[in-house]
Amino acid sequence: MNTAQLERMKNGKGFIAALDQSGGSTPKALELYGIPKTSYSTEEQMFELVHKMRSRLMESPAFTKDRILAAILFEKTMDSKVEGLYSADYLWEKKGIVPFLKVDNGLADRQNGVQLMKPIPGLESLLARAKERHIFGTKMRSVILEANTAGIKAVVDQQFMFAKIILAAGLVPIIEPEVDIHSPNKREAESLLKDELVSRLKALNSEQLVMLKLTLPDEDNFYEELTRFPRVVRVVALSGGYSRDEANKKLERNRSVIASFSRALSEGLHADQTQKEFDATLDQSLQSIYKASIT
């Protein structure tokens, strides 16, 4: 494990840029950026376009370590280059930003009020490749739609099962059991989730370091206890469908939690903007998320 990167993730000021839209969410991300589905006819062309969008973000003078601690990449982004360097090397060597990799294959069908992750065949070989590409950690997402005890336990069980495989490969896992912001009993689901997380965290040994990526809670500072766990490198928040302004306001009220925004990060960016306009819009976005993350 890179000790400089671990120190940055533990104690640095800033937030995580989530640049990890995958096959299912890429068309929507491109559409919001001003590139309609009619602009491409194959998956390869689609990923080429989204890599150009992500490269534009990463290459922007606004995208720096002064505000961004880390960035989460999609597998194809990890295997692609920015200014002649593999994405992770570009981020760390040129920008001082810690690279993470999204490793899940999307969500299974709803059962017991949750969506577990689909199986991840070949996870070990993907992790080995991630190490070769100088990736520091991983991210994997499940979704909790209602306060179902059995469902939430299954989500956390699965997350920690994969986390232990990732830890054994020498990477730091970001565990992301997202509580849907439209859940009819969101507060109760958050309470059940926290109990399950505390139980699993207590069972980790001193060398098993993880991160948690959680939905901004209904009760301010509800996850503060988790930020103090010695085995938790950082607790980060997803925007979860909230607008950037709304997500920032909620984040500001949660001490020691930093942002890991995707849609909220790229809000307002457009393919047709001049580079000056693009950089200025991104700069404002990054500054607002940074400010909310350092409370």
Protein backbone atom coordinates (compact mmCIF):
# COMPACT_ATOMS: atom_id res chain seq x y z
CA MET A 1 0.00 0.00 0.00
CA ASN A 2 1.23 3.49 -0.86
CA THR A 3 1.74 5.17 2.55
CA ALA A 4 1.69 8.69 1.07
CA GLN A 5 -1.69 7.97 -0.49
CA LEU A 6 -3.02 6.45 2.75
CA GLU A 7 -1.91 9.51 4.71
CA ARG A 8 -3.62 11.76 2.17
CA MET A 9 -6.86 9.79 2.37
CA LYS A 10 -6.82 9.79 6.17
CA ASN A 11 -5.89 13.39 6.87
CA GLY A 12 -6.09 15.44 3.66
CA LYS A 13 -8.57 18.27 3.17
CA GLY A 14 -10.86 17.87 0.19
CA PHE A 15 -13.24 15.37 -1.38
CA ILE A 16 -13.47 12.47 -3.83
CA ALA A 17 -14.46 13.02 -7.46
CA ALA A 18 -16.56 10.07 -8.66
CA LEU A 19 -15.80 9.58 -12.38
CA ASP A 20 -17.00 5.99 -12.47
CA GLN A 21 -20.18 5.93 -14.56
CA SER A 22 -20.37 2.44 -16.08
CA GLY A 23 -22.17 0.98 -19.09
CA GLY A 24 -25.65 1.44 -17.61
CA SER A 25 -25.22 5.05 -16.45
CA THR A 26 -22.91 6.35 -19.19
CA PRO A 27 -25.66 7.30 -21.71
CA LYS A 28 -27.36 9.48 -19.07
CA ALA A 29 -24.03 11.07 -18.08
CA LEU A 30 -23.27 11.86 -21.73
CA GLU A 31 -26.77 13.24 -22.29
CA LEU A 32 -26.42 15.61 -19.32
CA TYR A 33 -23.09 16.68 -20.82
CA GLY A 34 -24.84 17.50 -24.12
CA ILE A 35 -24.01 14.38 -26.14
CA PRO A 36 -27.24 12.61 -27.22
CA LYS A 37 -27.53 8.87 -27.91
CA THR A 38 -27.69 9.65 -31.63
CA SER A 39 -24.02 10.73 -31.48
CA TYR A 40 -22.79 7.13 -31.22
CA SER A 41 -23.89 3.74 -32.49
CA THR A 42 -21.61 1.29 -30.66
CA GLU A 43 -20.56 0.77 -27.05
CA GLU A 44 -16.96 1.40 -28.08
CA GLN A 45 -17.87 4.83 -29.48
CA MET A 46 -19.87 5.61 -26.32
CA PHE A 47 -16.92 4.81 -24.06
CA GLU A 48 -14.59 6.82 -26.29
CA LEU A 49 -16.84 9.86 -25.86
CA VAL A 50 -17.12 9.44 -22.09
CA HIS A 51 -13.34 9.04 -21.81
CA LYS A 52 -12.94 12.35 -23.64
CA MET A 53 -15.35 13.93 -21.14
CA ARG A 54 -13.45 12.46 -18.16
CA SER A 55 -10.09 13.43 -19.67
CA ARG A 56 -11.33 17.00 -20.09
CA LEU A 57 -12.25 17.02 -16.40
CA MET A 58 -8.94 15.54 -15.24
CA GLU A 59 -6.84 17.79 -17.50
CA SER A 60 -8.62 20.97 -16.41
CA PRO A 61 -6.45 23.37 -14.38
CA ALA A 62 -9.35 23.49 -11.89
CA PHE A 63 -9.02 19.75 -11.19
CA THR A 64 -6.18 19.72 -8.64
CA LYS A 65 -5.10 18.15 -5.35
CA ASP A 66 -5.82 21.46 -3.59
CA ARG A 67 -9.47 20.42 -3.41
CA ILE A 68 -9.62 16.83 -4.69
CA LEU A 69 -8.17 14.03 -2.57
CA ALA A 70 -9.08 11.16 -4.87
CA ALA A 71 -10.97 10.12 -7.98
CA ILE A 72 -12.96 6.93 -8.62
CA LEU A 73 -12.47 5.45 -12.09
CA PHE A 74 -14.42 2.97 -14.20
CA GLU A 75 -12.45 -0.07 -15.42
CA LYS A 76 -12.22 1.20 -19.01
CA THR A 77 -10.94 4.54 -17.72
CA MET A 78 -8.25 2.73 -15.71
CA ASP A 79 -7.12 1.01 -18.91
CA SER A 80 -7.16 4.26 -20.91
CA LYS A 81 -4.56 7.01 -21.03
CA VAL A 82 -4.58 10.73 -20.31
CA GLU A 83 -1.78 12.77 -21.86
CA GLY A 84 0.12 9.55 -22.58
CA LEU A 85 -0.12 8.11 -19.06
CA TYR A 86 -2.54 5.49 -17.72
CA SER A 87 -5.31 7.34 -15.89
CA ALA A 88 -4.21 6.32 -12.37
CA ASP A 89 -0.60 7.36 -13.05
CA TYR A 90 -1.76 10.65 -14.54
CA LEU A 91 -3.91 11.36 -11.47
CA TRP A 92 -1.18 10.60 -8.93
CA GLU A 93 1.98 11.66 -10.76
CA LYS A 94 0.67 14.80 -12.48
CA LYS A 95 -2.12 15.87 -10.13
CA GLY A 96 -1.35 14.33 -6.72
CA ILE A 97 -4.84 12.74 -6.67
CA VAL A 98 -5.33 9.20 -5.28
CA PRO A 99 -6.89 6.73 -7.79
CA PHE A 100 -9.71 4.32 -6.91
CA LEU A 101 -11.49 1.77 -9.14
CA LYS A 102 -15.17 0.82 -9.28
CA VAL A 103 -15.26 -3.00 -9.20
CA ASP A 104 -18.93 -3.99 -9.02
CA ASN A 105 -20.98 -5.20 -12.01
CA GLY A 106 -24.16 -3.34 -11.15
CA LEU A 107 -27.21 -4.30 -9.14
CA ALA A 108 -29.23 -7.49 -8.87
CA ASP A 109 -33.04 -7.43 -8.87
CA ARG A 110 -34.83 -6.10 -5.81
CA GLN A 111 -35.35 -8.60 -2.99
CA ASN A 112 -36.19 -7.97 0.69
CA GLY A 113 -36.30 -4.23 0.02
CA VAL A 114 -32.70 -4.06 -1.26
CA GLN A 115 -30.61 -4.57 -4.37
CA LEU A 116 -27.48 -6.61 -3.75
CA MET A 117 -24.56 -6.46 -6.16
CA LYS A 118 -24.49 -8.86 -9.07
CA PRO A 119 -21.75 -11.52 -8.83
CA ILE A 120 -18.24 -10.26 -9.65
CA PRO A 121 -16.58 -13.09 -11.59
CA GLY A 122 -12.85 -12.59 -12.06
CA LEU A 123 -12.61 -10.14 -9.18
CA GLU A 124 -9.17 -11.41 -8.12
CA SER A 125 -7.72 -10.92 -11.62
CA LEU A 126 -9.27 -7.43 -11.83
CA LEU A 127 -7.69 -6.55 -8.46
CA ALA A 128 -4.30 -7.85 -9.64
CA ARG A 129 -4.58 -5.65 -12.74
CA ALA A 130 -5.62 -2.70 -10.57
CA LYS A 131 -2.44 -3.13 -8.51
CA GLU A 132 -0.39 -3.14 -11.73
CA ARG A 133 -2.11 0.08 -12.77
CA HIS A 134 -1.22 1.64 -9.37
CA ILE A 135 -4.78 1.82 -8.05
CA PHE A 136 -5.02 2.53 -4.29
CA GLY A 137 -8.53 1.29 -3.54
CA THR A 138 -11.89 0.15 -4.89
CA LYS A 139 -15.57 1.05 -4.72
CA MET A 140 -18.66 -1.15 -4.88
CA ARG A 141 -22.31 -0.14 -4.58
CA SER A 142 -25.47 -1.79 -3.27
CA VAL A 143 -28.84 -0.07 -2.74
CA ILE A 144 -31.23 -0.13 0.24
CA LEU A 145 -34.78 0.81 -0.74
CA GLU A 146 -36.62 0.19 2.52
CA ALA A 147 -36.04 -0.59 6.20
CA ASN A 148 -35.96 -4.37 5.86
CA THR A 149 -33.75 -5.99 8.53
CA ALA A 150 -32.96 -9.15 6.53
CA GLY A 151 -32.27 -7.18 3.35
CA ILE A 152 -29.95 -4.68 5.03
CA LYS A 153 -28.05 -7.49 6.77
CA ALA A 154 -27.61 -9.22 3.39
CA VAL A 155 -26.26 -5.99 1.84
CA VAL A 156 -23.69 -5.48 4.59
CA ASP A 157 -22.73 -9.19 4.62
CA GLN A 158 -22.05 -9.08 0.87
CA GLN A 159 -20.14 -5.79 1.06
CA PHE A 160 -17.81 -7.07 3.76
CA MET A 161 -17.35 -10.43 2.03
CA PHE A 162 -16.02 -8.63 -1.05
CA ALA A 163 -14.13 -6.13 1.12
CA LYS A 164 -12.07 -8.94 2.64
CA ILE A 165 -11.08 -10.19 -0.83
CA ILE A 166 -10.08 -6.63 -1.77
CA LEU A 167 -8.11 -6.17 1.46
CA ALA A 168 -6.28 -9.45 0.84
CA ALA A 169 -5.22 -8.07 -2.56
CA GLY A 170 -3.62 -5.06 -0.82
CA LEU A 171 -6.25 -2.46 -1.77
CA VAL A 172 -8.53 -0.29 0.38
CA PRO A 173 -12.25 -0.93 -0.29
CA ILE A 174 -14.89 1.78 -0.29
CA ILE A 175 -18.02 0.05 1.02
CA GLU A 176 -21.11 1.74 -0.45
CA PRO A 177 -24.50 0.58 0.86
CA GLU A 178 -26.56 3.46 -0.57
CA VAL A 179 -29.88 4.21 1.13
CA ASP A 180 -32.25 5.46 -1.58
CA ILE A 181 -33.17 9.09 -0.87
CA HIS A 182 -36.79 8.27 -1.82
CA SER A 183 -37.10 5.40 0.66
CA PRO A 184 -40.44 5.67 2.53
CA ASN A 185 -38.64 4.86 5.80
CA LYS A 186 -35.17 6.25 5.15
CA ARG A 187 -34.41 7.21 8.75
CA GLU A 188 -35.23 3.71 10.03
CA ALA A 189 -33.17 2.13 7.22
CA GLU A 190 -30.21 4.32 8.21
CA SER A 191 -30.50 3.18 11.83
CA LEU A 192 -30.52 -0.51 10.83
CA LEU A 193 -27.60 0.07 8.47
CA LYS A 194 -25.47 1.82 11.09
CA ASP A 195 -25.99 -1.04 13.57
CA GLU A 196 -24.88 -3.59 10.95
CA LEU A 197 -21.84 -1.50 9.97
CA VAL A 198 -20.72 -1.05 13.59
CA SER A 199 -20.97 -4.79 14.16
CA ARG A 200 -18.81 -5.60 11.07
CA LEU A 201 -16.26 -2.87 11.75
CA LYS A 202 -15.68 -4.17 15.27
CA ALA A 203 -14.82 -7.59 13.79
CA LEU A 204 -12.03 -6.23 11.54
CA ASN A 205 -8.43 -6.53 12.66
CA SER A 206 -6.12 -3.53 13.00
CA GLU A 207 -4.65 -4.00 9.51
CA GLN A 208 -8.00 -4.18 7.71
CA LEU A 209 -8.67 -0.58 6.72
CA VAL A 210 -11.87 0.36 4.89
CA MET A 211 -13.78 3.44 3.77
CA LEU A 212 -17.53 3.97 3.89
CA LYS A 213 -19.60 5.76 1.25
CA LEU A 214 -23.05 6.57 2.61
CA THR A 215 -26.16 8.53 1.70
CA LEU A 216 -26.43 11.86 3.50
CA PRO A 217 -28.54 11.00 6.57
CA ASP A 218 -31.86 12.47 7.66
CA GLU A 219 -30.39 13.16 11.11
CA ASP A 220 -27.34 15.44 11.02
CA ASN A 221 -24.11 13.80 12.22
CA PHE A 222 -25.84 10.42 12.42
CA TYR A 223 -22.69 8.66 11.14
CA GLU A 224 -20.21 10.62 13.27
CA GLU A 225 -19.52 7.51 15.36
CA LEU A 226 -18.32 5.72 12.20
CA THR A 227 -15.84 8.51 11.39
CA ARG A 228 -14.05 7.78 14.69
CA PHE A 229 -13.52 4.04 14.12
CA PRO A 230 -9.76 3.32 13.96
CA ARG A 231 -10.26 0.92 11.01
CA VAL A 232 -12.21 3.50 8.98
CA VAL A 233 -9.91 5.61 6.80
CA ARG A 234 -12.71 8.03 5.86
CA VAL A 235 -16.48 8.34 5.68
CA VAL A 236 -17.65 9.91 2.42
CA ALA A 237 -21.09 10.90 1.19
CA LEU A 238 -22.76 10.27 -2.15
CA SER A 239 -25.05 12.90 -3.66
CA GLY A 240 -27.70 10.24 -4.33
CA GLY A 241 -29.81 12.27 -6.73
CA TYR A 242 -29.87 15.48 -4.68
CA SER A 243 -28.92 18.61 -6.61
CA ARG A 244 -25.43 19.93 -5.89
CA ASP A 245 -26.78 22.80 -3.76
CA GLU A 246 -28.97 20.50 -1.70
CA ALA A 247 -26.22 17.88 -1.30
CA ASN A 248 -23.73 20.57 -0.25
CA LYS A 249 -26.12 21.99 2.36
CA LYS A 250 -26.69 18.55 3.85
CA LEU A 251 -22.97 17.74 3.75
CA GLU A 252 -22.05 20.97 5.57
CA ARG A 253 -24.18 19.83 8.50
CA ASN A 254 -22.33 16.49 8.87
CA ARG A 255 -18.98 16.87 10.63
CA SER A 256 -15.97 14.85 9.43
CA VAL A 257 -17.82 13.51 6.35
CA ILE A 258 -16.52 14.50 2.91
CA ALA A 259 -18.15 14.37 -0.52
CA SER A 260 -17.83 11.67 -3.14
CA PHE A 261 -20.11 13.18 -5.75
CA SER A 262 -20.70 12.09 -9.35
CA ARG A 263 -23.76 13.74 -10.89
CA ALA A 264 -23.48 16.71 -8.53
CA LEU A 265 -19.84 17.15 -9.54
CA SER A 266 -20.49 17.37 -13.28
CA GLU A 267 -23.69 19.43 -12.97
CA GLY A 268 -23.52 22.41 -15.34
CA LEU A 269 -20.68 21.07 -17.50
CA HIS A 270 -21.42 20.85 -21.23
CA ALA A 271 -19.62 19.57 -24.32
CA ASP A 272 -20.31 22.83 -26.17
CA GLN A 273 -18.68 25.06 -23.56
CA THR A 274 -15.41 26.73 -24.50
CA GLN A 275 -12.48 25.52 -22.43
CA LYS A 276 -12.59 28.79 -20.47
CA GLU A 277 -16.31 28.36 -19.72
CA PHE A 278 -15.83 24.68 -18.84
CA ASP A 279 -12.94 25.43 -16.46
CA ALA A 280 -14.82 28.29 -14.78
CA THR A 281 -17.95 26.16 -14.26
CA LEU A 282 -15.89 23.26 -12.92
CA ASP A 283 -13.93 25.59 -10.64
CA GLN A 284 -17.16 26.88 -9.05
CA SER A 285 -18.49 23.35 -8.65
CA LEU A 286 -15.28 22.07 -7.06
CA GLN A 287 -15.06 25.04 -4.70
CA SER A 288 -18.63 24.61 -3.44
CA ILE A 289 -18.15 20.86 -2.83
CA TYR A 290 -14.75 21.46 -1.19
CA LYS A 291 -16.21 24.09 1.13
CA ALA A 292 -18.98 21.70 2.20
CA SER A 293 -16.44 18.89 2.74
CA ILE A 294 -14.15 20.68 5.17
CA THR A 295 -16.74 21.35 7.88
